[in-house]
């Protein structure tokens, strides 16, 4: 498919391999369940949710020329994403993510995003000197960035003239990569989407609730911060103050991709012109629907 994207999603586009069981699990558990493979990665999860809100996302990532890569690109296109800007390496394999989920939540996960990390700035070529923009005519629309990009590349994005006019929306790929968002705190650019644990890592302290965490991120330099906390209230902090909202109560059947769904729904709401309170409410509702299993992955 070929058209102008409504938003760019930059980061991991890979295969998710997820095992889910209705049983409570612990280390060493061996239980019956289901194992599925579906398009995933933070950037892809955000893009898939954006398409459900009628938006057309363009993907900037690294996908191999191997059979897994060809299948993944076909799947992304069927889901309504623009894939023509992907960096298709002949030497690097398609990345993968593997997770195990039980009735008590995420048990363990391994993210293999080595090909994305090794591709570096090559995934940005369409924005730097290509069909999507350049230093002289930078992309002026929204951009969703994920923390699977290396710290060096995230720092480079802040320096590149091609990103000077972009509406940056940034999320860590996991708590272990949260500190990669530190340059955006120092630069005071972009909207950060993090959970309570990730906010604590960025601020190097513990927080009792999302409002405290969001306010602390802004105090440390963030232009704006949205902090989620599972089934507890989520908060949106900026120079205009902090607002908080409780998510709907639902039966949780899955967790992988919930934060990405929240972020995408929030972006979509604001692109439609929703105010801060409405956008936060709609994002929480979308994430609740997702974790309850009422939306197809």
C-alpha atoms as a PDB file:
ATOM      1  CA  UNK A   1       0.000   0.000   0.000  1.00  0.00           C
ATOM      2  CA  UNK A   2       1.207   3.545  -0.695  1.00  0.00           C
ATOM      3  CA  UNK A   3      -0.174   6.764   0.758  1.00  0.00           C
ATOM      4  CA  UNK A   4       0.822   9.614   3.040  1.00  0.00           C
ATOM      5  CA  UNK A   5       0.971   8.501   6.683  1.00  0.00           C
ATOM      6  CA  UNK A   6      -1.079  10.287   9.335  1.00  0.00           C
ATOM      7  CA  UNK A   7       1.603   9.431  11.893  1.00  0.00           C
ATOM      8  CA  UNK A   8       5.002   7.752  11.902  1.00  0.00           C
ATOM      9  CA  UNK A   9       5.723   4.848  14.246  1.00  0.00           C
ATOM     10  CA  UNK A  10       9.476   4.426  14.747  1.00  0.00           C
ATOM     11  CA  UNK A  11      10.925   1.469  16.612  1.00  0.00           C
ATOM     12  CA  UNK A  12      10.378  -2.251  16.894  1.00  0.00           C
ATOM     13  CA  UNK A  13       8.309  -4.121  14.318  1.00  0.00           C
ATOM     14  CA  UNK A  14       8.696  -7.839  14.926  1.00  0.00           C
ATOM     15  CA  UNK A  15       6.926 -11.118  15.633  1.00  0.00           C
ATOM     16  CA  UNK A  16       5.397 -11.586  19.080  1.00  0.00           C
ATOM     17  CA  UNK A  17       5.402 -15.202  20.276  1.00  0.00           C
ATOM     18  CA  UNK A  18       3.181 -15.295  23.361  1.00  0.00           C
ATOM     19  CA  UNK A  19       2.179 -18.200  25.555  1.00  0.00           C
ATOM     20  CA  UNK A  20      -0.945 -17.615  27.670  1.00  0.00           C
ATOM     21  CA  UNK A  21      -2.418 -19.789  30.386  1.00  0.00           C
ATOM     22  CA  UNK A  22      -5.473 -19.406  32.609  1.00  0.00           C
ATOM     23  CA  UNK A  23      -3.422 -20.817  35.507  1.00  0.00           C
ATOM     24  CA  UNK A  24      -1.450 -18.899  38.095  1.00  0.00           C
ATOM     25  CA  UNK A  25       2.226 -19.434  37.349  1.00  0.00           C
ATOM     26  CA  UNK A  26       5.586 -19.153  39.063  1.00  0.00           C
ATOM     27  CA  UNK A  27       9.160 -19.965  38.141  1.00  0.00           C
ATOM     28  CA  UNK A  28       9.305 -23.526  36.794  1.00  0.00           C
ATOM     29  CA  UNK A  29       5.554 -23.830  36.114  1.00  0.00           C
ATOM     30  CA  UNK A  30       4.557 -26.224  33.314  1.00  0.00           C
ATOM     31  CA  UNK A  31       0.888 -25.674  32.491  1.00  0.00           C
ATOM     32  CA  UNK A  32      -1.509 -26.013  29.535  1.00  0.00           C
ATOM     33  CA  UNK A  33      -2.342 -22.932  27.496  1.00  0.00           C
ATOM     34  CA  UNK A  34      -2.190 -21.372  24.058  1.00  0.00           C
ATOM     35  CA  UNK A  35       0.824 -20.166  22.074  1.00  0.00           C
ATOM     36  CA  UNK A  36       0.255 -17.561  19.359  1.00  0.00           C
ATOM     37  CA  UNK A  37       2.397 -15.623  16.907  1.00  0.00           C
ATOM     38  CA  UNK A  38       1.279 -12.184  15.775  1.00  0.00           C
ATOM     39  CA  UNK A  39       2.805  -8.887  14.592  1.00  0.00           C
ATOM     40  CA  UNK A  40       4.178  -6.976  17.542  1.00  0.00           C
ATOM     41  CA  UNK A  41       6.833  -4.690  18.890  1.00  0.00           C
ATOM     42  CA  UNK A  42       6.110  -1.353  20.557  1.00  0.00           C
ATOM     43  CA  UNK A  43       5.967   0.639  17.311  1.00  0.00           C
ATOM     44  CA  UNK A  44       3.791  -1.999  15.651  1.00  0.00           C
ATOM     45  CA  UNK A  45       1.440  -2.337  18.624  1.00  0.00           C
ATOM     46  CA  UNK A  46       0.919   1.417  18.570  1.00  0.00           C
ATOM     47  CA  UNK A  47       0.379   1.373  14.811  1.00  0.00           C
ATOM     48  CA  UNK A  48      -2.197  -1.436  14.979  1.00  0.00           C
ATOM     49  CA  UNK A  49      -4.224   0.467  17.550  1.00  0.00           C
ATOM     50  CA  UNK A  50      -4.022   3.664  15.504  1.00  0.00           C
ATOM     51  CA  UNK A  51      -5.561   1.871  12.533  1.00  0.00           C
ATOM     52  CA  UNK A  52      -8.554   0.919  14.690  1.00  0.00           C
ATOM     53  CA  UNK A  53      -9.140   4.642  15.185  1.00  0.00           C
ATOM     54  CA  UNK A  54      -9.127   5.281  11.443  1.00  0.00           C
ATOM     55  CA  UNK A  55      -5.522   6.517  11.152  1.00  0.00           C
ATOM     56  CA  UNK A  56      -2.915   5.366   8.647  1.00  0.00           C
ATOM     57  CA  UNK A  57       0.481   4.871  10.312  1.00  0.00           C
ATOM     58  CA  UNK A  58       3.783   4.621   8.495  1.00  0.00           C
ATOM     59  CA  UNK A  59       6.336   2.200   9.940  1.00  0.00           C
ATOM     60  CA  UNK A  60      10.039   3.039  10.247  1.00  0.00           C
ATOM     61  CA  UNK A  61      11.944   0.016  11.493  1.00  0.00           C
ATOM     62  CA  UNK A  62      14.228  -2.818  10.427  1.00  0.00           C
ATOM     63  CA  UNK A  63      12.722  -6.017   9.033  1.00  0.00           C
ATOM     64  CA  UNK A  64      14.805  -8.790   7.510  1.00  0.00           C
ATOM     65  CA  UNK A  65      14.552 -10.207   4.017  1.00  0.00           C
ATOM     66  CA  UNK A  66      14.093 -13.671   5.551  1.00  0.00           C
ATOM     67  CA  UNK A  67      10.798 -15.631   5.338  1.00  0.00           C
ATOM     68  CA  UNK A  68       9.752 -14.264   8.743  1.00  0.00           C
ATOM     69  CA  UNK A  69      10.292 -10.749   7.424  1.00  0.00           C
ATOM     70  CA  UNK A  70       8.274 -11.255   4.250  1.00  0.00           C
ATOM     71  CA  UNK A  71       5.396 -12.726   6.254  1.00  0.00           C
ATOM     72  CA  UNK A  72       5.575  -9.879   8.751  1.00  0.00           C
ATOM     73  CA  UNK A  73       5.450  -7.166   6.098  1.00  0.00           C
ATOM     74  CA  UNK A  74       2.452  -8.834   4.455  1.00  0.00           C
ATOM     75  CA  UNK A  75       0.699  -9.020   7.832  1.00  0.00           C
ATOM     76  CA  UNK A  76       1.441  -5.347   8.579  1.00  0.00           C
ATOM     77  CA  UNK A  77      -0.020  -4.284   5.250  1.00  0.00           C
ATOM     78  CA  UNK A  78      -3.179  -6.329   5.828  1.00  0.00           C
ATOM     79  CA  UNK A  79      -3.570  -4.510   9.146  1.00  0.00           C
ATOM     80  CA  UNK A  80      -3.552  -1.139   7.389  1.00  0.00           C
ATOM     81  CA  UNK A  81       0.034   0.010   7.991  1.00  0.00           C
ATOM     82  CA  UNK A  82       2.339   1.583   5.404  1.00  0.00           C
ATOM     83  CA  UNK A  83       5.469  -0.578   5.073  1.00  0.00           C
ATOM     84  CA  UNK A  84       7.278   1.016   2.117  1.00  0.00           C
ATOM     85  CA  UNK A  85       9.577   3.017   4.421  1.00  0.00           C
ATOM     86  CA  UNK A  86      10.908  -0.006   6.311  1.00  0.00           C
ATOM     87  CA  UNK A  87      14.622  -0.750   6.155  1.00  0.00           C
ATOM     88  CA  UNK A  88      14.787  -4.277   4.695  1.00  0.00           C
ATOM     89  CA  UNK A  89      18.150  -5.769   5.540  1.00  0.00           C
ATOM     90  CA  UNK A  90      19.481  -8.759   3.613  1.00  0.00           C
ATOM     91  CA  UNK A  91      21.997  -9.573   6.349  1.00  0.00           C
ATOM     92  CA  UNK A  92      19.975  -9.183   9.558  1.00  0.00           C
ATOM     93  CA  UNK A  93      17.179 -11.516  10.718  1.00  0.00           C
ATOM     94  CA  UNK A  94      13.717 -10.309  11.631  1.00  0.00           C
ATOM     95  CA  UNK A  95      13.473  -9.482  15.338  1.00  0.00           C
ATOM     96  CA  UNK A  96      11.251 -11.413  17.763  1.00  0.00           C
ATOM     97  CA  UNK A  97       9.689 -11.063  21.210  1.00  0.00           C
ATOM     98  CA  UNK A  98       8.714 -13.993  23.416  1.00  0.00           C
ATOM     99  CA  UNK A  99       6.516 -13.782  26.517  1.00  0.00           C
ATOM    100  CA  UNK A 100       4.718 -16.076  28.945  1.00  0.00           C
ATOM    101  CA  UNK A 101       1.558 -14.819  30.651  1.00  0.00           C
ATOM    102  CA  UNK A 102      -0.468 -16.464  33.391  1.00  0.00           C
ATOM    103  CA  UNK A 103      -3.600 -15.555  35.299  1.00  0.00           C
ATOM    104  CA  UNK A 104      -1.320 -13.567  37.613  1.00  0.00           C
ATOM    105  CA  UNK A 105       0.104 -11.444  34.789  1.00  0.00           C
ATOM    106  CA  UNK A 106       3.363 -11.412  32.853  1.00  0.00           C
ATOM    107  CA  UNK A 107       5.673 -14.186  34.070  1.00  0.00           C
ATOM    108  CA  UNK A 108       8.692 -13.578  31.841  1.00  0.00           C
ATOM    109  CA  UNK A 109       9.626 -12.062  28.500  1.00  0.00           C
ATOM    110  CA  UNK A 110      12.643 -11.806  26.200  1.00  0.00           C
ATOM    111  CA  UNK A 111      12.892  -9.112  23.526  1.00  0.00           C
ATOM    112  CA  UNK A 112      15.341  -9.784  20.696  1.00  0.00           C
ATOM    113  CA  UNK A 113      15.593  -6.406  18.949  1.00  0.00           C
ATOM    114  CA  UNK A 114      19.220  -6.777  17.919  1.00  0.00           C
ATOM    115  CA  UNK A 115      18.560  -6.173  14.215  1.00  0.00           C
ATOM    116  CA  UNK A 116      16.794  -2.891  14.975  1.00  0.00           C
ATOM    117  CA  UNK A 117      19.673  -1.793  17.195  1.00  0.00           C
ATOM    118  CA  UNK A 118      22.307  -2.756  14.603  1.00  0.00           C
ATOM    119  CA  UNK A 119      20.441  -0.949  11.803  1.00  0.00           C
ATOM    120  CA  UNK A 120      20.791   2.340  13.664  1.00  0.00           C
ATOM    121  CA  UNK A 121      20.074   5.548  11.772  1.00  0.00           C
ATOM    122  CA  UNK A 122      19.460   3.675   8.516  1.00  0.00           C
ATOM    123  CA  UNK A 123      15.832   3.245   9.568  1.00  0.00           C
ATOM    124  CA  UNK A 124      15.490   7.053   9.577  1.00  0.00           C
ATOM    125  CA  UNK A 125      16.626   7.600   5.968  1.00  0.00           C
ATOM    126  CA  UNK A 126      13.108   8.371   4.634  1.00  0.00           C
ATOM    127  CA  UNK A 127      12.894  11.241   7.151  1.00  0.00           C
ATOM    128  CA  UNK A 128      16.429  12.586   6.861  1.00  0.00           C
ATOM    129  CA  UNK A 129      16.725  12.732   3.084  1.00  0.00           C
ATOM    130  CA  UNK A 130      13.788  10.962   1.537  1.00  0.00           C
ATOM    131  CA  UNK A 131      10.118  10.959   0.704  1.00  0.00           C
ATOM    132  CA  UNK A 132       8.945  11.847   4.239  1.00  0.00           C
ATOM    133  CA  UNK A 133      11.133  14.853   4.951  1.00  0.00           C
ATOM    134  CA  UNK A 134      14.542  16.474   5.100  1.00  0.00           C
ATOM    135  CA  UNK A 135      16.460  19.061   7.071  1.00  0.00           C
ATOM    136  CA  UNK A 136      15.027  21.794   4.873  1.00  0.00           C
ATOM    137  CA  UNK A 137      11.455  20.436   4.953  1.00  0.00           C
ATOM    138  CA  UNK A 138      11.124  18.425   8.172  1.00  0.00           C
ATOM    139  CA  UNK A 139       8.226  16.140   8.990  1.00  0.00           C
ATOM    140  CA  UNK A 140       5.721  18.274  10.912  1.00  0.00           C
ATOM    141  CA  UNK A 141       3.300  15.587  12.052  1.00  0.00           C
ATOM    142  CA  UNK A 142       3.121  13.240  15.031  1.00  0.00           C
ATOM    143  CA  UNK A 143       5.834  10.637  15.641  1.00  0.00           C
ATOM    144  CA  UNK A 144       5.577   7.686  18.043  1.00  0.00           C
ATOM    145  CA  UNK A 145       9.048   6.611  19.220  1.00  0.00           C
ATOM    146  CA  UNK A 146       9.807   3.506  21.213  1.00  0.00           C
ATOM    147  CA  UNK A 147      12.653   2.748  23.594  1.00  0.00           C
ATOM    148  CA  UNK A 148      13.897  -0.221  21.609  1.00  0.00           C
ATOM    149  CA  UNK A 149      15.975   2.338  19.713  1.00  0.00           C
ATOM    150  CA  UNK A 150      19.446   2.703  21.153  1.00  0.00           C
ATOM    151  CA  UNK A 151      20.270   5.567  23.482  1.00  0.00           C
ATOM    152  CA  UNK A 152      22.648   6.924  20.853  1.00  0.00           C
ATOM    153  CA  UNK A 153      19.962   6.982  18.183  1.00  0.00           C
ATOM    154  CA  UNK A 154      17.413   8.596  20.495  1.00  0.00           C
ATOM    155  CA  UNK A 155      19.947  11.319  21.295  1.00  0.00           C
ATOM    156  CA  UNK A 156      20.627  11.760  17.576  1.00  0.00           C
ATOM    157  CA  UNK A 157      16.917  12.176  16.865  1.00  0.00           C
ATOM    158  CA  UNK A 158      16.847  15.140  19.252  1.00  0.00           C
ATOM    159  CA  UNK A 159      19.703  16.768  17.299  1.00  0.00           C
ATOM    160  CA  UNK A 160      18.503  16.052  13.769  1.00  0.00           C
ATOM    161  CA  UNK A 161      16.890  19.006  11.937  1.00  0.00           C
ATOM    162  CA  UNK A 162      14.551  16.478  10.281  1.00  0.00           C
ATOM    163  CA  UNK A 163      12.774  16.055  13.646  1.00  0.00           C
ATOM    164  CA  UNK A 164      12.733  19.732  14.629  1.00  0.00           C
ATOM    165  CA  UNK A 165       9.036  20.222  13.794  1.00  0.00           C
ATOM    166  CA  UNK A 166       7.744  16.787  14.840  1.00  0.00           C
ATOM    167  CA  UNK A 167       5.215  16.153  17.601  1.00  0.00           C
ATOM    168  CA  UNK A 168       7.230  13.536  19.482  1.00  0.00           C
ATOM    169  CA  UNK A 169       5.443  10.901  21.578  1.00  0.00           C
ATOM    170  CA  UNK A 170       7.859   8.584  23.382  1.00  0.00           C
ATOM    171  CA  UNK A 171       7.509   5.332  25.319  1.00  0.00           C
ATOM    172  CA  UNK A 172      10.073   2.934  26.794  1.00  0.00           C
ATOM    173  CA  UNK A 173       9.963  -0.605  25.474  1.00  0.00           C
ATOM    174  CA  UNK A 174      10.207  -1.972  29.026  1.00  0.00           C
ATOM    175  CA  UNK A 175      11.312  -0.862  32.496  1.00  0.00           C
ATOM    176  CA  UNK A 176      14.792  -2.113  31.647  1.00  0.00           C
ATOM    177  CA  UNK A 177      15.016   0.443  28.844  1.00  0.00           C
ATOM    178  CA  UNK A 178      13.256   3.328  30.595  1.00  0.00           C
ATOM    179  CA  UNK A 179      16.468   5.246  31.215  1.00  0.00           C
ATOM    180  CA  UNK A 180      16.921   5.604  27.448  1.00  0.00           C
ATOM    181  CA  UNK A 181      14.262   8.335  27.655  1.00  0.00           C
ATOM    182  CA  UNK A 182      16.511  10.523  29.805  1.00  0.00           C
ATOM    183  CA  UNK A 183      17.616  12.713  26.844  1.00  0.00           C
ATOM    184  CA  UNK A 184      14.003  13.807  26.355  1.00  0.00           C
ATOM    185  CA  UNK A 185      13.875  14.910  29.990  1.00  0.00           C
ATOM    186  CA  UNK A 186      17.033  16.979  29.529  1.00  0.00           C
ATOM    187  CA  UNK A 187      15.801  18.471  26.250  1.00  0.00           C
ATOM    188  CA  UNK A 188      12.257  19.158  27.489  1.00  0.00           C
ATOM    189  CA  UNK A 189      10.825  17.727  24.273  1.00  0.00           C
ATOM    190  CA  UNK A 190       8.049  15.298  23.552  1.00  0.00           C
ATOM    191  CA  UNK A 191       5.312  13.588  25.519  1.00  0.00           C
ATOM    192  CA  UNK A 192       6.511  10.695  27.697  1.00  0.00           C
ATOM    193  CA  UNK A 193       4.271   7.639  28.207  1.00  0.00           C
ATOM    194  CA  UNK A 194       5.498   5.506  31.110  1.00  0.00           C
ATOM    195  CA  UNK A 195       4.192   3.310  33.906  1.00  0.00           C
ATOM    196  CA  UNK A 196       4.846   3.926  37.608  1.00  0.00           C
ATOM    197  CA  UNK A 197       7.946   1.717  37.712  1.00  0.00           C
ATOM    198  CA  UNK A 198       9.446   3.380  34.636  1.00  0.00           C
ATOM    199  CA  UNK A 199       8.762   6.841  36.068  1.00  0.00           C
ATOM    200  CA  UNK A 200      10.625   5.806  39.212  1.00  0.00           C
ATOM    201  CA  UNK A 201      13.624   4.654  37.198  1.00  0.00           C
ATOM    202  CA  UNK A 202      13.731   7.920  35.249  1.00  0.00           C
ATOM    203  CA  UNK A 203      13.501   9.995  38.428  1.00  0.00           C
ATOM    204  CA  UNK A 204      15.670   7.634  40.511  1.00  0.00           C
ATOM    205  CA  UNK A 205      13.088   7.405  43.284  1.00  0.00           C
ATOM    206  CA  UNK A 206       9.916   5.522  44.216  1.00  0.00           C
ATOM    207  CA  UNK A 207       6.407   6.930  43.887  1.00  0.00           C
ATOM    208  CA  UNK A 208       3.191   6.019  45.634  1.00  0.00           C
ATOM    209  CA  UNK A 209       0.877   7.033  42.786  1.00  0.00           C
ATOM    210  CA  UNK A 210       0.837   8.224  39.183  1.00  0.00           C
ATOM    211  CA  UNK A 211       0.074  11.867  39.983  1.00  0.00           C
ATOM    212  CA  UNK A 212       3.196  12.175  42.109  1.00  0.00           C
ATOM    213  CA  UNK A 213       5.268  10.427  39.440  1.00  0.00           C
ATOM    214  CA  UNK A 214       3.949  12.527  36.538  1.00  0.00           C
ATOM    215  CA  UNK A 215       4.553  15.771  38.421  1.00  0.00           C
ATOM    216  CA  UNK A 216       8.095  14.667  39.266  1.00  0.00           C
ATOM    217  CA  UNK A 217       8.881  13.953  35.622  1.00  0.00           C
ATOM    218  CA  UNK A 218       7.774  17.446  34.638  1.00  0.00           C
ATOM    219  CA  UNK A 219       9.811  18.891  37.501  1.00  0.00           C
ATOM    220  CA  UNK A 220      12.853  17.046  36.118  1.00  0.00           C
ATOM    221  CA  UNK A 221      12.382  18.661  32.711  1.00  0.00           C
ATOM    222  CA  UNK A 222       9.752  16.686  30.813  1.00  0.00           C
ATOM    223  CA  UNK A 223       7.535  18.817  28.630  1.00  0.00           C
ATOM    224  CA  UNK A 224       4.634  16.499  29.449  1.00  0.00           C
ATOM    225  CA  UNK A 225       4.286  13.067  31.051  1.00  0.00           C
ATOM    226  CA  UNK A 226       1.542  10.455  31.181  1.00  0.00           C
ATOM    227  CA  UNK A 227       1.937   7.796  33.860  1.00  0.00           C
ATOM    228  CA  UNK A 228      -0.160   4.633  34.170  1.00  0.00           C
ATOM    229  CA  UNK A 229      -0.373   2.342  37.182  1.00  0.00           C
ATOM    230  CA  UNK A 230      -2.277  -0.816  36.241  1.00  0.00           C
ATOM    231  CA  UNK A 231      -5.784  -0.706  37.656  1.00  0.00           C
ATOM    232  CA  UNK A 232      -4.987   2.392  39.726  1.00  0.00           C
ATOM    233  CA  UNK A 233      -5.477   6.002  38.530  1.00  0.00           C
ATOM    234  CA  UNK A 234      -3.377   7.256  35.616  1.00  0.00           C
ATOM    235  CA  UNK A 235      -2.155  10.847  35.377  1.00  0.00           C
ATOM    236  CA  UNK A 236      -1.234  13.469  32.782  1.00  0.00           C
ATOM    237  CA  UNK A 237       1.150  16.220  33.921  1.00  0.00           C
ATOM    238  CA  UNK A 238       2.318  19.331  32.101  1.00  0.00           C
ATOM    239  CA  UNK A 239       3.018  22.970  32.898  1.00  0.00           C
ATOM    240  CA  UNK A 240      -0.778  23.339  33.113  1.00  0.00           C
ATOM    241  CA  UNK A 241      -0.944  20.975  36.077  1.00  0.00           C
ATOM    242  CA  UNK A 242      -1.821  17.338  36.769  1.00  0.00           C
ATOM    243  CA  UNK A 243      -5.057  15.524  35.963  1.00  0.00           C
ATOM    244  CA  UNK A 244      -5.847  11.956  37.019  1.00  0.00           C
ATOM    245  CA  UNK A 245      -8.455   9.382  36.039  1.00  0.00           C
ATOM    246  CA  UNK A 246      -9.337   5.859  37.202  1.00  0.00           C
ATOM    247  CA  UNK A 247      -9.391   3.120  34.540  1.00  0.00           C
ATOM    248  CA  UNK A 248     -12.538   1.000  34.135  1.00  0.00           C
ATOM    249  CA  UNK A 249     -12.609  -2.189  36.199  1.00  0.00           C
ATOM    250  CA  UNK A 250     -12.262  -5.239  33.954  1.00  0.00           C
ATOM    251  CA  UNK A 251     -11.168  -8.861  34.182  1.00  0.00           C
ATOM    252  CA  UNK A 252      -7.569  -8.909  32.944  1.00  0.00           C
ATOM    253  CA  UNK A 253      -6.886 -11.695  30.430  1.00  0.00           C
ATOM    254  CA  UNK A 254      -3.664 -10.343  28.879  1.00  0.00           C
ATOM    255  CA  UNK A 255      -1.095  -7.635  29.537  1.00  0.00           C
ATOM    256  CA  UNK A 256       1.411  -7.597  26.666  1.00  0.00           C
ATOM    257  CA  UNK A 257       0.688  -4.502  24.556  1.00  0.00           C
ATOM    258  CA  UNK A 258      -1.585  -2.745  27.072  1.00  0.00           C
ATOM    259  CA  UNK A 259       0.683   0.276  27.478  1.00  0.00           C
ATOM    260  CA  UNK A 260       1.089   0.590  23.715  1.00  0.00           C
ATOM    261  CA  UNK A 261      -2.692   0.513  23.309  1.00  0.00           C
ATOM    262  CA  UNK A 262      -3.067   3.260  25.922  1.00  0.00           C
ATOM    263  CA  UNK A 263      -0.511   5.444  24.146  1.00  0.00           C
ATOM    264  CA  UNK A 264      -2.019   4.944  20.689  1.00  0.00           C
ATOM    265  CA  UNK A 265      -5.557   5.635  21.862  1.00  0.00           C
ATOM    266  CA  UNK A 266      -4.386   8.798  23.623  1.00  0.00           C
ATOM    267  CA  UNK A 267      -2.585  10.050  20.512  1.00  0.00           C
ATOM    268  CA  UNK A 268      -5.625   9.298  18.344  1.00  0.00           C
ATOM    269  CA  UNK A 269      -7.923  11.181  20.724  1.00  0.00           C
ATOM    270  CA  UNK A 270      -5.713  14.263  20.720  1.00  0.00           C
ATOM    271  CA  UNK A 271      -5.368  14.200  16.941  1.00  0.00           C
ATOM    272  CA  UNK A 272      -9.187  14.376  16.845  1.00  0.00           C
ATOM    273  CA  UNK A 273      -9.022  17.470  19.016  1.00  0.00           C
ATOM    274  CA  UNK A 274      -9.937  15.964  22.408  1.00  0.00           C
ATOM    275  CA  UNK A 275      -8.951  17.936  25.512  1.00  0.00           C
ATOM    276  CA  UNK A 276      -6.559  16.458  28.086  1.00  0.00           C
ATOM    277  CA  UNK A 277      -9.239  14.957  30.330  1.00  0.00           C
ATOM    278  CA  UNK A 278     -11.190  13.408  27.467  1.00  0.00           C
ATOM    279  CA  UNK A 279      -8.064  11.991  25.835  1.00  0.00           C
ATOM    280  CA  UNK A 280      -6.953  10.406  29.117  1.00  0.00           C
ATOM    281  CA  UNK A 281     -10.384   8.891  29.680  1.00  0.00           C
ATOM    282  CA  UNK A 282     -10.554   7.465  26.150  1.00  0.00           C
ATOM    283  CA  UNK A 283      -7.048   6.016  26.399  1.00  0.00           C
ATOM    284  CA  UNK A 284      -7.846   4.268  29.674  1.00  0.00           C
ATOM    285  CA  UNK A 285     -11.067   2.867  28.217  1.00  0.00           C
ATOM    286  CA  UNK A 286      -9.211   1.510  25.171  1.00  0.00           C
ATOM    287  CA  UNK A 287      -6.521  -0.104  27.336  1.00  0.00           C
ATOM    288  CA  UNK A 288      -9.163  -1.680  29.592  1.00  0.00           C
ATOM    289  CA  UNK A 289     -10.971  -3.125  26.600  1.00  0.00           C
ATOM    290  CA  UNK A 290      -7.674  -4.501  25.321  1.00  0.00           C
ATOM    291  CA  UNK A 291      -6.592  -6.226  28.534  1.00  0.00           C
ATOM    292  CA  UNK A 292     -10.054  -7.730  28.945  1.00  0.00           C
ATOM    293  CA  UNK A 293      -9.596  -9.501  25.606  1.00  0.00           C
ATOM    294  CA  UNK A 294     -12.532  -7.795  23.898  1.00  0.00           C
ATOM    295  CA  UNK A 295     -10.315  -6.536  21.044  1.00  0.00           C
ATOM    296  CA  UNK A 296      -8.554  -8.937  18.692  1.00  0.00           C
ATOM    297  CA  UNK A 297      -4.763  -8.726  19.010  1.00  0.00           C
END
